[in-house]
Amino acid sequence: MVALQADGSAMYTVQGLWTQAREKLDVTTVIFSNRKYAILLGELAAVGANPGRTALDMLDIGSPDLDWVRMAQSMGVEAAKADTLERCTELMRDSFGRSGPFVIELMT
């Protein structure tokens, strides 16, 4: 199974990685790491809001940068970072050949 997750929404559901490890689930989770709560930015735009710098800063999850590889590993999930789609493809292929969960942090 493959799960696709953005980093902002993953902050709401990070405990799912621990569940994957505990249950030894064969799940490859790709976390698209753009370092922001993009869905919330979209919602602000949809209602015509014009947020100031302070509001925008609260939607930036890049200060400090999250390290999804270390977070996953701390919950018992193997993980690696991909800076290119080619590397992501390699990691996905490798993850399909092993049992248990695996996280790929794909930098976007």
Protein backbone atom coordinates (compact mmCIF):
# COMPACT_ATOMS: atom_id res chain seq x y z
CA MET A 1 0.00 0.00 0.00
CA VAL A 2 1.14 3.54 -0.76
CA ALA A 3 0.01 6.57 1.23
CA LEU A 4 0.56 10.06 -0.18
CA GLN A 5 0.68 12.79 2.45
CA ALA A 6 1.60 16.47 2.52
CA ASP A 7 3.79 17.60 5.41
CA GLY A 8 1.27 20.11 6.76
CA SER A 9 -1.54 17.60 7.01
CA ALA A 10 0.89 14.96 8.25
CA MET A 11 1.44 17.17 11.29
CA TYR A 12 -2.19 16.42 12.21
CA THR A 13 -1.77 12.65 11.80
CA VAL A 14 1.85 11.87 12.69
CA GLN A 15 0.69 9.23 15.19
CA GLY A 16 -0.30 7.11 12.20
CA LEU A 17 3.38 6.30 11.67
CA TRP A 18 3.57 4.80 15.15
CA THR A 19 0.49 2.69 14.38
CA GLN A 20 2.09 1.47 11.14
CA ALA A 21 5.18 0.39 13.08
CA ARG A 22 3.25 -1.23 15.93
CA GLU A 23 1.03 -3.20 13.54
CA LYS A 24 3.94 -3.96 11.17
CA LEU A 25 1.92 -2.68 8.23
CA ASP A 26 3.34 -2.87 4.73
CA VAL A 27 2.80 0.81 3.92
CA THR A 28 5.07 3.14 2.02
CA THR A 29 4.23 6.71 2.99
CA VAL A 30 5.48 9.48 0.73
CA ILE A 31 5.47 12.81 2.53
CA PHE A 32 5.56 15.79 0.18
CA SER A 33 7.66 18.23 2.13
CA ASN A 34 7.02 21.82 1.06
CA ARG A 35 7.31 23.19 4.61
CA LYS A 36 3.90 24.88 4.79
CA TYR A 37 0.26 24.35 5.62
CA ALA A 38 -0.68 24.74 1.95
CA ILE A 39 -4.30 23.65 2.43
CA LEU A 40 -4.83 26.49 4.91
CA LEU A 41 -3.25 28.98 2.51
CA GLY A 42 -5.72 27.77 -0.12
CA GLU A 43 -8.64 28.20 2.26
CA LEU A 44 -7.59 31.77 3.05
CA ALA A 45 -7.41 32.55 -0.66
CA ALA A 46 -10.80 30.91 -1.26
CA VAL A 47 -12.52 33.29 1.16
CA GLY A 48 -10.65 36.32 -0.16
CA ALA A 49 -8.59 36.83 2.99
CA ASN A 50 -5.46 38.92 2.77
CA PRO A 51 -3.39 37.70 5.73
CA GLY A 52 -0.52 39.73 7.10
CA ARG A 53 3.03 38.55 7.74
CA THR A 54 2.28 37.22 11.25
CA ALA A 55 -0.60 35.06 9.98
CA LEU A 56 1.48 33.76 7.06
CA ASP A 57 4.37 32.94 9.39
CA MET A 58 2.04 30.72 11.42
CA LEU A 59 1.36 28.66 8.28
CA ASP A 60 5.08 28.15 7.57
CA ILE A 61 6.37 24.91 9.06
CA GLY A 62 9.92 25.51 7.89
CA SER A 63 11.24 27.29 10.93
CA PRO A 64 12.56 25.08 12.33
CA ASP A 65 12.58 22.58 9.47
CA LEU A 66 10.80 19.33 10.19
CA ASP A 67 12.83 16.18 9.71
CA TRP A 68 10.35 13.48 8.71
CA VAL A 69 13.07 10.86 8.44
CA ARG A 70 14.04 11.29 12.09
CA MET A 71 10.41 11.58 13.21
CA ALA A 72 9.52 8.35 11.44
CA GLN A 73 12.57 6.56 12.81
CA SER A 74 11.73 7.71 16.33
CA MET A 75 8.42 5.85 15.96
CA GLY A 76 10.02 2.68 14.65
CA VAL A 77 9.54 3.32 10.93
CA GLU A 78 12.41 3.09 8.47
CA ALA A 79 12.73 6.24 6.39
CA ALA A 80 14.83 8.11 3.85
CA LYS A 81 14.84 11.48 2.12
CA ALA A 82 14.53 12.03 -1.63
CA ASP A 83 15.61 15.25 -3.31
CA THR A 84 14.66 14.09 -6.82
CA LEU A 85 11.88 12.05 -8.38
CA GLU A 86 14.47 9.54 -9.53
CA ARG A 87 15.60 8.99 -5.93
CA CYS A 88 11.97 8.75 -4.82
CA THR A 89 11.37 6.07 -7.45
CA GLU A 90 14.39 4.10 -6.20
CA LEU A 91 13.25 4.34 -2.59
CA MET A 92 9.71 3.30 -3.49
CA ARG A 93 10.98 0.30 -5.42
CA ASP A 94 13.18 -0.70 -2.47
CA SER A 95 10.35 -0.23 0.02
CA PHE A 96 8.06 -2.55 -1.93
CA GLY A 97 10.64 -5.32 -1.54
CA ARG A 98 10.68 -5.20 2.27
CA SER A 99 8.12 -5.82 4.94
CA GLY A 100 6.85 -3.21 7.35
CA PRO A 101 6.31 0.52 6.95
CA PHE A 102 8.64 2.91 5.20
CA VAL A 103 8.57 6.72 4.90
CA ILE A 104 9.97 8.73 2.03
CA GLU A 105 10.32 12.46 2.65
CA LEU A 106 10.12 13.95 -0.83
CA MET A 107 11.44 17.50 -0.88
CA THR A 108 9.27 19.67 -3.12
